[in-house]
C-alpha atoms as a PDB file:
ATOM      1  CA  MET A   1       0.009   0.028  -0.098  1.00  0.00           C
ATOM      2  CA  ASP A   2       1.361   3.457  -0.889  1.00  0.00           C
ATOM      3  CA  ILE A   3       1.594   6.202   1.818  1.00  0.00           C
ATOM      4  CA  ASP A   4       0.784   9.610   0.730  1.00  0.00           C
ATOM      5  CA  MET A   5       3.623  11.639   2.504  1.00  0.00           C
ATOM      6  CA  ASN A   6       2.041  14.825   1.668  1.00  0.00           C
ATOM      7  CA  SER A   7      -1.282  14.033   3.194  1.00  0.00           C
ATOM      8  CA  ASP A   8      -2.397  16.305   6.137  1.00  0.00           C
ATOM      9  CA  MET A   9      -2.530  13.343   8.506  1.00  0.00           C
ATOM     10  CA  THR A  10       0.942  11.964   7.686  1.00  0.00           C
ATOM     11  CA  ILE A  11       2.464  15.524   8.159  1.00  0.00           C
ATOM     12  CA  VAL A  12       0.785  15.817  11.518  1.00  0.00           C
ATOM     13  CA  LYS A  13       1.920  12.265  12.539  1.00  0.00           C
ATOM     14  CA  MET A  14       5.416  13.105  11.434  1.00  0.00           C
ATOM     15  CA  ASN A  15       5.539  16.403  13.299  1.00  0.00           C
ATOM     16  CA  GLU A  16       4.457  14.701  16.376  1.00  0.00           C
ATOM     17  CA  LEU A  17       7.281  12.150  16.115  1.00  0.00           C
ATOM     18  CA  ILE A  18       9.724  14.919  15.302  1.00  0.00           C
ATOM     19  CA  GLY A  19       8.616  16.553  18.503  1.00  0.00           C
ATOM     20  CA  LYS A  20       9.134  13.569  20.532  1.00  0.00           C
ATOM     21  CA  ALA A  21      12.532  13.022  18.987  1.00  0.00           C
ATOM     22  CA  GLU A  22      13.615  16.727  19.873  1.00  0.00           C
ATOM     23  CA  ILE A  23      12.451  15.915  23.538  1.00  0.00           C
ATOM     24  CA  LEU A  24      14.692  12.973  23.807  1.00  0.00           C
ATOM     25  CA  ILE A  25      17.684  15.388  22.258  1.00  0.00           C
ATOM     26  CA  GLU A  26      16.910  17.836  24.876  1.00  0.00           C
ATOM     27  CA  ALA A  27      17.141  15.206  27.635  1.00  0.00           C
ATOM     28  CA  LEU A  28      20.524  13.920  26.343  1.00  0.00           C
ATOM     29  CA  PRO A  29      22.832  16.422  28.074  1.00  0.00           C
ATOM     30  CA  TYR A  30      21.083  15.780  31.412  1.00  0.00           C
ATOM     31  CA  ILE A  31      21.242  12.095  31.076  1.00  0.00           C
ATOM     32  CA  GLN A  32      24.858  12.308  30.188  1.00  0.00           C
ATOM     33  CA  ARG A  33      25.837  14.717  33.130  1.00  0.00           C
ATOM     34  CA  LEU A  34      23.666  12.570  35.749  1.00  0.00           C
ATOM     35  CA  ALA A  35      24.996   9.272  34.532  1.00  0.00           C
ATOM     36  CA  GLY A  36      26.064   7.271  37.530  1.00  0.00           C
ATOM     37  CA  LYS A  37      25.014  10.051  39.964  1.00  0.00           C
ATOM     38  CA  THR A  38      22.671   9.795  43.076  1.00  0.00           C
ATOM     39  CA  VAL A  39      19.329  11.506  43.029  1.00  0.00           C
ATOM     40  CA  VAL A  40      17.380  11.483  46.278  1.00  0.00           C
ATOM     41  CA  ILE A  41      13.666  11.822  45.912  1.00  0.00           C
ATOM     42  CA  LYS A  42      11.508  13.015  48.783  1.00  0.00           C
ATOM     43  CA  TYR A  43       8.133  11.506  47.912  1.00  0.00           C
ATOM     44  CA  GLY A  44       4.968  12.615  49.473  1.00  0.00           C
ATOM     45  CA  GLY A  45       1.938  14.695  49.066  1.00  0.00           C
ATOM     46  CA  ASN A  46      -0.815  13.939  46.699  1.00  0.00           C
ATOM     47  CA  ALA A  47       1.435  11.937  44.439  1.00  0.00           C
ATOM     48  CA  MET A  48       1.431   9.282  47.262  1.00  0.00           C
ATOM     49  CA  ILE A  49      -2.573   9.248  47.151  1.00  0.00           C
ATOM     50  CA  ASN A  50      -3.638   9.624  43.738  1.00  0.00           C
ATOM     51  CA  GLU A  51      -3.439   6.158  41.926  1.00  0.00           C
ATOM     52  CA  GLU A  52      -2.494   7.769  38.597  1.00  0.00           C
ATOM     53  CA  LEU A  53       0.147   9.954  39.823  1.00  0.00           C
ATOM     54  CA  LYS A  54       1.608   7.125  41.925  1.00  0.00           C
ATOM     55  CA  ASN A  55       1.955   5.114  38.794  1.00  0.00           C
ATOM     56  CA  ASN A  56       3.457   8.040  36.990  1.00  0.00           C
ATOM     57  CA  VAL A  57       6.096   8.688  39.680  1.00  0.00           C
ATOM     58  CA  MET A  58       7.059   5.023  39.539  1.00  0.00           C
ATOM     59  CA  ASP A  59       7.310   5.036  35.943  1.00  0.00           C
ATOM     60  CA  ASP A  60       9.732   8.049  36.165  1.00  0.00           C
ATOM     61  CA  VAL A  61      11.845   6.487  38.958  1.00  0.00           C
ATOM     62  CA  THR A  62      12.132   3.292  37.168  1.00  0.00           C
ATOM     63  CA  LEU A  63      13.291   5.107  33.763  1.00  0.00           C
ATOM     64  CA  LEU A  64      15.717   7.087  35.905  1.00  0.00           C
ATOM     65  CA  LYS A  65      17.336   3.752  37.164  1.00  0.00           C
ATOM     66  CA  PHE A  66      17.388   2.205  33.626  1.00  0.00           C
ATOM     67  CA  ILE A  67      19.207   4.994  31.857  1.00  0.00           C
ATOM     68  CA  GLY A  68      22.072   4.788  34.580  1.00  0.00           C
ATOM     69  CA  ILE A  69      20.869   7.411  37.110  1.00  0.00           C
ATOM     70  CA  ASN A  70      20.758   6.097  40.852  1.00  0.00           C
ATOM     71  CA  PRO A  71      17.574   7.079  42.615  1.00  0.00           C
ATOM     72  CA  VAL A  72      16.881   6.843  46.189  1.00  0.00           C
ATOM     73  CA  ILE A  73      13.478   7.105  47.567  1.00  0.00           C
ATOM     74  CA  VAL A  74      12.601   8.569  50.897  1.00  0.00           C
ATOM     75  CA  HIS A  75       8.840   8.485  51.604  1.00  0.00           C
ATOM     76  CA  GLY A  76       6.381  10.040  54.144  1.00  0.00           C
ATOM     77  CA  GLY A  77       3.163   8.677  55.408  1.00  0.00           C
ATOM     78  CA  GLY A  78       1.363  11.219  57.501  1.00  0.00           C
ATOM     79  CA  PRO A  79      -2.090  10.431  56.366  1.00  0.00           C
ATOM     80  CA  ASP A  80      -1.676   6.599  56.623  1.00  0.00           C
ATOM     81  CA  ILE A  81      -0.395   7.021  60.135  1.00  0.00           C
ATOM     82  CA  SER A  82      -3.121   9.357  61.105  1.00  0.00           C
ATOM     83  CA  SER A  83      -5.847   7.074  59.511  1.00  0.00           C
ATOM     84  CA  MET A  84      -4.522   4.101  61.724  1.00  0.00           C
ATOM     85  CA  LEU A  85      -4.434   6.237  64.736  1.00  0.00           C
ATOM     86  CA  ASP A  86      -8.012   7.056  64.247  1.00  0.00           C
ATOM     87  CA  LYS A  87      -8.924   3.527  63.831  1.00  0.00           C
ATOM     88  CA  LEU A  88      -7.139   2.741  66.986  1.00  0.00           C
ATOM     89  CA  SER A  89      -8.929   5.707  68.865  1.00  0.00           C
ATOM     90  CA  ILE A  90      -5.450   7.074  69.528  1.00  0.00           C
ATOM     91  CA  PRO A  91      -5.503  11.143  69.316  1.00  0.00           C
ATOM     92  CA  SER A  92      -3.104  13.010  66.850  1.00  0.00           C
ATOM     93  CA  GLU A  93      -1.342  15.966  67.906  1.00  0.00           C
ATOM     94  CA  PHE A  94       0.968  18.522  66.062  1.00  0.00           C
ATOM     95  CA  ARG A  95       3.392  20.971  67.139  1.00  0.00           C
ATOM     96  CA  GLY A  96       5.200  23.165  64.654  1.00  0.00           C
ATOM     97  CA  GLY A  97       4.332  20.762  61.904  1.00  0.00           C
ATOM     98  CA  LEU A  98       5.788  17.906  63.671  1.00  0.00           C
ATOM     99  CA  ARG A  99       3.551  14.954  65.151  1.00  0.00           C
ATOM    100  CA  VAL A 100       3.720  14.485  68.832  1.00  0.00           C
ATOM    101  CA  THR A 101       4.773  10.810  69.152  1.00  0.00           C
ATOM    102  CA  SER A 102       3.885   8.884  72.341  1.00  0.00           C
ATOM    103  CA  ALA A 103       5.252   5.303  72.745  1.00  0.00           C
ATOM    104  CA  GLU A 104       2.021   3.942  71.079  1.00  0.00           C
ATOM    105  CA  THR A 105       2.349   6.273  68.295  1.00  0.00           C
ATOM    106  CA  VAL A 106       5.795   5.520  67.440  1.00  0.00           C
ATOM    107  CA  ASP A 107       4.669   1.743  67.340  1.00  0.00           C
ATOM    108  CA  VAL A 108       1.899   2.689  64.919  1.00  0.00           C
ATOM    109  CA  ALA A 109       4.166   4.917  62.899  1.00  0.00           C
ATOM    110  CA  ARG A 110       6.630   2.025  62.570  1.00  0.00           C
ATOM    111  CA  MET A 111       3.977  -0.499  61.569  1.00  0.00           C
ATOM    112  CA  VAL A 112       2.527   1.771  58.926  1.00  0.00           C
ATOM    113  CA  LEU A 113       5.641   3.330  57.492  1.00  0.00           C
ATOM    114  CA  VAL A 114       7.706   0.003  57.242  1.00  0.00           C
ATOM    115  CA  GLY A 115       4.945  -2.482  56.996  1.00  0.00           C
ATOM    116  CA  LYS A 116       2.522  -0.747  54.892  1.00  0.00           C
ATOM    117  CA  THR A 117       3.572   2.381  52.916  1.00  0.00           C
ATOM    118  CA  ASN A 118       7.072   1.101  52.283  1.00  0.00           C
ATOM    119  CA  LYS A 119       6.124  -2.077  50.926  1.00  0.00           C
ATOM    120  CA  GLU A 120       3.379  -0.818  48.737  1.00  0.00           C
ATOM    121  CA  ILE A 121       5.957   1.495  47.031  1.00  0.00           C
ATOM    122  CA  VAL A 122       8.471  -1.312  46.547  1.00  0.00           C
ATOM    123  CA  SER A 123       5.816  -3.470  45.268  1.00  0.00           C
ATOM    124  CA  LEU A 124       4.555  -0.947  42.583  1.00  0.00           C
ATOM    125  CA  LEU A 125       8.293  -0.259  41.336  1.00  0.00           C
ATOM    126  CA  ASN A 126       8.911  -3.995  41.149  1.00  0.00           C
ATOM    127  CA  LYS A 127       5.609  -4.189  39.146  1.00  0.00           C
ATOM    128  CA  LYS A 128       7.066  -1.650  36.513  1.00  0.00           C
ATOM    129  CA  GLY A 129      10.164  -3.811  36.173  1.00  0.00           C
ATOM    130  CA  ALA A 130      12.665  -2.211  38.642  1.00  0.00           C
ATOM    131  CA  LYS A 131      14.289  -3.794  41.472  1.00  0.00           C
ATOM    132  CA  ALA A 132      13.235  -2.013  44.667  1.00  0.00           C
ATOM    133  CA  ILE A 133      14.316  -2.879  48.236  1.00  0.00           C
ATOM    134  CA  GLY A 134      12.550  -1.334  51.157  1.00  0.00           C
ATOM    135  CA  ILE A 135      14.457  -0.451  54.165  1.00  0.00           C
ATOM    136  CA  SER A 136      13.914   1.779  57.178  1.00  0.00           C
ATOM    137  CA  GLY A 137      16.342   3.578  59.414  1.00  0.00           C
ATOM    138  CA  ILE A 138      16.524   0.705  61.767  1.00  0.00           C
ATOM    139  CA  ASP A 139      18.008  -1.685  59.236  1.00  0.00           C
ATOM    140  CA  GLY A 140      21.864  -1.616  59.578  1.00  0.00           C
ATOM    141  CA  ASN A 141      21.446   1.305  61.907  1.00  0.00           C
ATOM    142  CA  LEU A 142      20.959   3.293  58.925  1.00  0.00           C
ATOM    143  CA  ILE A 143      19.559   6.215  60.654  1.00  0.00           C
ATOM    144  CA  GLU A 144      21.204   6.852  64.062  1.00  0.00           C
ATOM    145  CA  CYS A 145      19.220   9.487  66.097  1.00  0.00           C
ATOM    146  CA  ARG A 146      18.602  10.769  69.573  1.00  0.00           C
ATOM    147  CA  LYS A 147      15.482  12.329  71.009  1.00  0.00           C
ATOM    148  CA  LEU A 148      14.792  15.745  69.478  1.00  0.00           C
ATOM    149  CA  ASP A 149      14.837  18.115  72.513  1.00  0.00           C
ATOM    150  CA  ARG A 150      15.536  21.434  70.881  1.00  0.00           C
ATOM    151  CA  ASP A 151      13.551  23.526  68.106  1.00  0.00           C
ATOM    152  CA  LYS A 152      15.620  25.330  65.648  1.00  0.00           C
ATOM    153  CA  ASP A 153      15.880  28.411  67.731  1.00  0.00           C
ATOM    154  CA  GLY A 154      17.540  26.235  70.568  1.00  0.00           C
ATOM    155  CA  ASN A 155      14.165  26.284  72.665  1.00  0.00           C
ATOM    156  CA  ALA A 156      13.518  23.178  74.906  1.00  0.00           C
ATOM    157  CA  LEU A 157      11.042  21.028  73.028  1.00  0.00           C
ATOM    158  CA  ASP A 158       9.354  17.621  73.972  1.00  0.00           C
ATOM    159  CA  LEU A 159       7.643  15.821  71.117  1.00  0.00           C
ATOM    160  CA  GLY A 160       7.923  12.299  72.744  1.00  0.00           C
ATOM    161  CA  PHE A 161       9.630   9.690  70.400  1.00  0.00           C
ATOM    162  CA  VAL A 162      10.606  12.139  67.661  1.00  0.00           C
ATOM    163  CA  GLY A 163      14.178  11.674  66.462  1.00  0.00           C
ATOM    164  CA  ASP A 164      16.970  14.048  65.906  1.00  0.00           C
ATOM    165  CA  ILE A 165      19.413  12.687  63.295  1.00  0.00           C
ATOM    166  CA  VAL A 166      22.893  12.235  64.427  1.00  0.00           C
ATOM    167  CA  ARG A 167      24.536  10.052  61.653  1.00  0.00           C
ATOM    168  CA  ILE A 168      23.400   8.499  58.492  1.00  0.00           C
ATOM    169  CA  ASN A 169      25.287   5.165  57.714  1.00  0.00           C
ATOM    170  CA  THR A 170      25.488   5.174  53.913  1.00  0.00           C
ATOM    171  CA  LYS A 171      27.093   1.937  53.117  1.00  0.00           C
ATOM    172  CA  VAL A 172      23.830  -0.063  52.561  1.00  0.00           C
ATOM    173  CA  LEU A 173      22.351   2.475  50.481  1.00  0.00           C
ATOM    174  CA  GLU A 174      25.642   2.733  48.421  1.00  0.00           C
ATOM    175  CA  MET A 175      25.745  -0.798  47.997  1.00  0.00           C
ATOM    176  CA  LEU A 176      22.071  -0.953  46.805  1.00  0.00           C
ATOM    177  CA  ALA A 177      21.903   2.265  44.724  1.00  0.00           C
ATOM    178  CA  GLY A 178      25.343   1.485  43.171  1.00  0.00           C
ATOM    179  CA  ASP A 179      24.139  -1.822  42.003  1.00  0.00           C
ATOM    180  CA  GLU A 180      20.821  -2.657  40.276  1.00  0.00           C
ATOM    181  CA  TYR A 181      18.490  -1.819  42.938  1.00  0.00           C
ATOM    182  CA  ILE A 182      16.456   1.237  44.197  1.00  0.00           C
ATOM    183  CA  PRO A 183      16.494   1.829  47.946  1.00  0.00           C
ATOM    184  CA  VAL A 184      13.177   2.878  49.456  1.00  0.00           C
ATOM    185  CA  VAL A 185      13.522   4.510  52.798  1.00  0.00           C
ATOM    186  CA  ALA A 186      10.996   4.641  55.618  1.00  0.00           C
ATOM    187  CA  PRO A 187      11.890   7.602  57.939  1.00  0.00           C
ATOM    188  CA  ILE A 188      11.897   5.543  61.380  1.00  0.00           C
ATOM    189  CA  GLY A 189      15.463   6.168  63.045  1.00  0.00           C
ATOM    190  CA  ILE A 190      17.110   4.164  66.001  1.00  0.00           C
ATOM    191  CA  GLY A 191      18.510   5.292  69.128  1.00  0.00           C
ATOM    192  CA  PRO A 192      21.606   4.286  70.975  1.00  0.00           C
ATOM    193  CA  ASP A 193      19.506   2.142  73.204  1.00  0.00           C
ATOM    194  CA  GLY A 194      17.645   0.509  70.581  1.00  0.00           C
ATOM    195  CA  GLN A 195      14.574   3.053  70.854  1.00  0.00           C
ATOM    196  CA  ASN A 196      12.813   3.627  67.620  1.00  0.00           C
ATOM    197  CA  TYR A 197      11.970   7.364  66.719  1.00  0.00           C
ATOM    198  CA  ASN A 198       9.589   8.892  64.197  1.00  0.00           C
ATOM    199  CA  ILE A 199      11.490  11.414  62.163  1.00  0.00           C
ATOM    200  CA  ASN A 200      10.305  14.070  59.593  1.00  0.00           C
ATOM    201  CA  ALA A 201      10.371  12.658  56.084  1.00  0.00           C
ATOM    202  CA  ASP A 202      11.856  15.896  54.625  1.00  0.00           C
ATOM    203  CA  THR A 203      14.689  16.064  57.349  1.00  0.00           C
ATOM    204  CA  VAL A 204      15.680  12.385  56.589  1.00  0.00           C
ATOM    205  CA  ALA A 205      15.679  12.995  52.699  1.00  0.00           C
ATOM    206  CA  SER A 206      18.040  16.046  53.119  1.00  0.00           C
ATOM    207  CA  SER A 207      20.232  14.109  55.560  1.00  0.00           C
ATOM    208  CA  ILE A 208      20.554  11.293  53.302  1.00  0.00           C
ATOM    209  CA  ALA A 209      21.371  13.545  50.142  1.00  0.00           C
ATOM    210  CA  VAL A 210      24.219  15.054  52.087  1.00  0.00           C
ATOM    211  CA  ALA A 211      25.648  12.031  53.442  1.00  0.00           C
ATOM    212  CA  LEU A 212      25.448  10.319  49.944  1.00  0.00           C
ATOM    213  CA  LYS A 213      26.847  13.484  48.236  1.00  0.00           C
ATOM    214  CA  ALA A 214      23.898  13.383  45.908  1.00  0.00           C
ATOM    215  CA  GLU A 215      23.729  15.468  42.763  1.00  0.00           C
ATOM    216  CA  LYS A 216      20.056  16.281  43.412  1.00  0.00           C
ATOM    217  CA  LEU A 217      17.479  16.378  46.096  1.00  0.00           C
ATOM    218  CA  ILE A 218      14.020  16.633  44.585  1.00  0.00           C
ATOM    219  CA  THR A 219      10.972  17.156  46.811  1.00  0.00           C
ATOM    220  CA  LEU A 220       7.515  16.249  45.767  1.00  0.00           C
ATOM    221  CA  THR A 221       5.056  18.546  47.003  1.00  0.00           C
ATOM    222  CA  ASP A 222       1.485  19.825  46.485  1.00  0.00           C
ATOM    223  CA  VAL A 223       2.789  23.261  45.551  1.00  0.00           C
ATOM    224  CA  GLU A 224       4.109  24.508  42.177  1.00  0.00           C
ATOM    225  CA  GLY A 225       7.169  25.940  43.515  1.00  0.00           C
ATOM    226  CA  VAL A 226       8.301  29.534  44.752  1.00  0.00           C
ATOM    227  CA  LYS A 227       6.099  31.815  43.008  1.00  0.00           C
ATOM    228  CA  ILE A 228       6.233  35.688  42.108  1.00  0.00           C
ATOM    229  CA  THR A 229       3.720  38.165  40.960  1.00  0.00           C
ATOM    230  CA  GLY A 230       4.567  40.063  37.841  1.00  0.00           C
ATOM    231  CA  LYS A 231       4.017  43.742  37.009  1.00  0.00           C
ATOM    232  CA  ASP A 232       0.767  42.381  35.108  1.00  0.00           C
ATOM    233  CA  GLY A 233      -0.568  40.811  38.453  1.00  0.00           C
ATOM    234  CA  CYS A 234      -0.080  37.377  37.233  1.00  0.00           C
ATOM    235  CA  GLU A 235       1.906  34.719  39.298  1.00  0.00           C
ATOM    236  CA  SER A 236       4.483  32.468  38.020  1.00  0.00           C
ATOM    237  CA  VAL A 237       6.973  30.026  39.071  1.00  0.00           C
ATOM    238  CA  VAL A 238      10.404  30.986  39.660  1.00  0.00           C
ATOM    239  CA  PRO A 239      12.643  28.423  37.739  1.00  0.00           C
ATOM    240  CA  SER A 240      15.883  28.837  39.773  1.00  0.00           C
ATOM    241  CA  LEU A 241      17.125  30.600  42.769  1.00  0.00           C
ATOM    242  CA  VAL A 242      20.499  31.059  44.383  1.00  0.00           C
ATOM    243  CA  GLU A 243      21.116  31.472  48.263  1.00  0.00           C
ATOM    244  CA  LYS A 244      21.074  35.249  48.184  1.00  0.00           C
ATOM    245  CA  GLU A 245      17.954  35.404  46.189  1.00  0.00           C
ATOM    246  CA  VAL A 246      16.174  33.153  48.474  1.00  0.00           C
ATOM    247  CA  TYR A 247      16.833  35.265  51.434  1.00  0.00           C
ATOM    248  CA  ASP A 248      16.050  38.405  49.577  1.00  0.00           C
ATOM    249  CA  LEU A 249      12.634  37.038  48.594  1.00  0.00           C
ATOM    250  CA  ILE A 250      12.041  36.020  52.268  1.00  0.00           C
ATOM    251  CA  GLU A 251      12.827  39.427  53.426  1.00  0.00           C
ATOM    252  CA  LYS A 252      10.429  40.897  50.987  1.00  0.00           C
ATOM    253  CA  LYS A 253       7.795  38.443  52.185  1.00  0.00           C
ATOM    254  CA  VAL A 254       7.581  36.963  48.620  1.00  0.00           C
ATOM    255  CA  ILE A 255       8.416  33.727  50.150  1.00  0.00           C
ATOM    256  CA  SER A 256       6.137  33.221  53.395  1.00  0.00           C
ATOM    257  CA  GLY A 257       4.377  30.711  55.361  1.00  0.00           C
ATOM    258  CA  GLY A 258       5.040  26.929  54.733  1.00  0.00           C
ATOM    259  CA  MET A 259       7.249  27.812  51.764  1.00  0.00           C
ATOM    260  CA  ILE A 260       9.914  29.071  54.208  1.00  0.00           C
ATOM    261  CA  PRO A 261      10.924  25.779  55.797  1.00  0.00           C
ATOM    262  CA  LYS A 262      10.930  24.197  52.439  1.00  0.00           C
ATOM    263  CA  VAL A 263      13.254  26.594  50.848  1.00  0.00           C
ATOM    264  CA  LEU A 264      15.468  26.896  53.928  1.00  0.00           C
ATOM    265  CA  GLY A 265      15.766  23.056  54.002  1.00  0.00           C
ATOM    266  CA  CYS A 266      16.926  23.163  50.439  1.00  0.00           C
ATOM    267  CA  LEU A 267      19.557  25.724  51.269  1.00  0.00           C
ATOM    268  CA  GLU A 268      20.789  23.443  54.282  1.00  0.00           C
ATOM    269  CA  THR A 269      21.030  20.515  51.706  1.00  0.00           C
ATOM    270  CA  ILE A 270      23.085  22.543  49.007  1.00  0.00           C
ATOM    271  CA  ASN A 271      25.302  24.112  51.973  1.00  0.00           C
ATOM    272  CA  GLY A 272      25.846  20.322  52.688  1.00  0.00           C
ATOM    273  CA  GLY A 273      27.404  19.545  49.251  1.00  0.00           C
ATOM    274  CA  VAL A 274      24.427  18.561  47.304  1.00  0.00           C
ATOM    275  CA  GLY A 275      24.530  19.986  43.674  1.00  0.00           C
ATOM    276  CA  ARG A 276      21.035  21.240  43.303  1.00  0.00           C
ATOM    277  CA  ALA A 277      17.632  21.021  45.397  1.00  0.00           C
ATOM    278  CA  HIS A 278      14.410  21.081  43.676  1.00  0.00           C
ATOM    279  CA  ILE A 279      10.718  21.824  44.969  1.00  0.00           C
ATOM    280  CA  ILE A 280       8.502  20.647  42.398  1.00  0.00           C
ATOM    281  CA  ASP A 281       4.589  19.842  41.998  1.00  0.00           C
ATOM    282  CA  GLY A 282       3.911  16.246  42.554  1.00  0.00           C
ATOM    283  CA  ARG A 283       0.442  16.629  41.144  1.00  0.00           C
ATOM    284  CA  ILE A 284       1.705  17.075  37.706  1.00  0.00           C
ATOM    285  CA  PRO A 285       2.064  13.883  35.575  1.00  0.00           C
ATOM    286  CA  HIS A 286       5.650  12.643  35.086  1.00  0.00           C
ATOM    287  CA  CYS A 287       6.947  15.582  37.008  1.00  0.00           C
ATOM    288  CA  LEU A 288      10.228  14.018  37.826  1.00  0.00           C
ATOM    289  CA  LEU A 289      10.994  13.559  34.153  1.00  0.00           C
ATOM    290  CA  LEU A 290       9.804  17.214  33.388  1.00  0.00           C
ATOM    291  CA  GLU A 291      11.965  18.719  36.072  1.00  0.00           C
ATOM    292  CA  ILE A 292      15.217  16.799  35.380  1.00  0.00           C
ATOM    293  CA  PHE A 293      15.240  16.416  31.722  1.00  0.00           C
ATOM    294  CA  THR A 294      13.890  19.542  30.349  1.00  0.00           C
ATOM    295  CA  ASN A 295      15.716  23.034  30.353  1.00  0.00           C
ATOM    296  CA  LYS A 296      12.748  25.070  31.583  1.00  0.00           C
ATOM    297  CA  GLY A 297      11.566  22.397  34.369  1.00  0.00           C
ATOM    298  CA  ILE A 298       8.450  22.844  36.206  1.00  0.00           C
ATOM    299  CA  GLY A 299       9.350  23.741  39.718  1.00  0.00           C
ATOM    300  CA  THR A 300      11.935  25.865  41.562  1.00  0.00           C
ATOM    301  CA  MET A 301      15.686  24.710  41.671  1.00  0.00           C
ATOM    302  CA  ILE A 302      17.856  26.075  44.318  1.00  0.00           C
ATOM    303  CA  MET A 303      21.652  26.297  43.760  1.00  0.00           C
ATOM    304  CA  LYS A 304      24.408  27.551  45.643  1.00  0.00           C
ATOM    305  CA  GLU A 305      25.569  29.609  42.541  1.00  0.00           C
ATOM    306  CA  ARG A 306      24.475  29.400  38.920  1.00  0.00           C
ATOM    307  CA  ARG A 307      26.461  26.751  37.146  1.00  0.00           C
ATOM    308  CA  PRO A 308      25.116  25.299  34.019  1.00  0.00           C
ATOM    309  CA  TYR A 309      25.439  21.474  33.471  1.00  0.00           C
ATOM    310  CA  TYR A 310      26.460  22.298  29.830  1.00  0.00           C
ATOM    311  CA  ASN A 311      27.094  25.022  27.667  1.00  0.00           C
ATOM    312  CA  GLY A 312      23.727  26.650  26.579  1.00  0.00           C
ATOM    313  CA  GLU A 313      21.674  25.592  29.646  1.00  0.00           C
ATOM    314  CA  LYS A 314      19.438  28.461  30.598  1.00  0.00           C
ATOM    315  CA  ILE A 315      19.270  28.742  34.403  1.00  0.00           C
END
C-alpha cells in the first residue's frame, strides 16, 4: 500500500514524532551529566494518594534507574499514620508541623511506614520492572538518632519519640543504589538504646542526600514551587534561585508561610554539598522527568551558585 507523505494526517503524525525526538535530544545532556550520579527523591503529598500519579512517579523512577541514574526514595506517610491512629482511637497532635509521638504512636508509625507504605511503594516499583528494596532507618543502623529536644531556635522541646538525626550510615544505600537496586527508605530512626524514633521525612531526605553526596534532592509537594507576582498581576513559578535570592525573597515576604521551611531546607542541603535541590509539584504527571530532563523544568531549583550543566543551559 502506498503512503501519501504529503497528506495532512501524515504530516501531523510526522511532526508529532519529530517533536518526541526533539524532547529526547533535549534530555541527552542531562542524561550524560547525571549518569552514575545519585538523585534523592522525597516522595510525598498527593502523588502518594492519587493512583494515576503514583504510577507516573514509579514510571519516572524506574526510567531513571534504567538510563544509569541512581535514585533513592525517601517517603512520608502522615495520612496513613493518622488514619491508623483514628482506627485505634489514639489522638493525633502536631506542634510546629511535627507529630507528637507517644510510645503507642511510634509503634503505629513504624508499623504503618515500614509494613504498609514502604512495601506498597516497593511492590509498585517492582511491578514496573525495577528492583526495589524497602528499608528503614532501623536496618543496619541506617539512621542513628537521639530524641529531639530542641527546636531550630534552641528552645526546649518535647515531642515524645521524635528523632534528631545524629548520623546516616550510607554503606547499605551505596551498595544498593550503586548496583541494580532502588532503595526505598522509611523515616524511622534508631537510638543508641535501641529505641525507635519517628523522623520528619523531609529531614531524612535532606540528611541522606548530604551523606551520599547526591547530585540532586527532589522534593515532591502539593505546591508548584516558589511563585512571584509580575507587573501584570499574574503569578509565575521562579525556575531557579541562588542563596542570596532566597533570603531576599524571604525578607520581601514573597516567600512566606509554609514555603519558608521548604526553601531553607533546600539551602541546608546544598550547603551540605548537594549540587541542586528542587521543589516540584507532584500533582503534575511525570513531574520528575519534566523537572530533570527539560531545560525549563516545572518547579523551583535552588543552587549555591548558577553553574550550568552544559554550555547553553538556561538557568
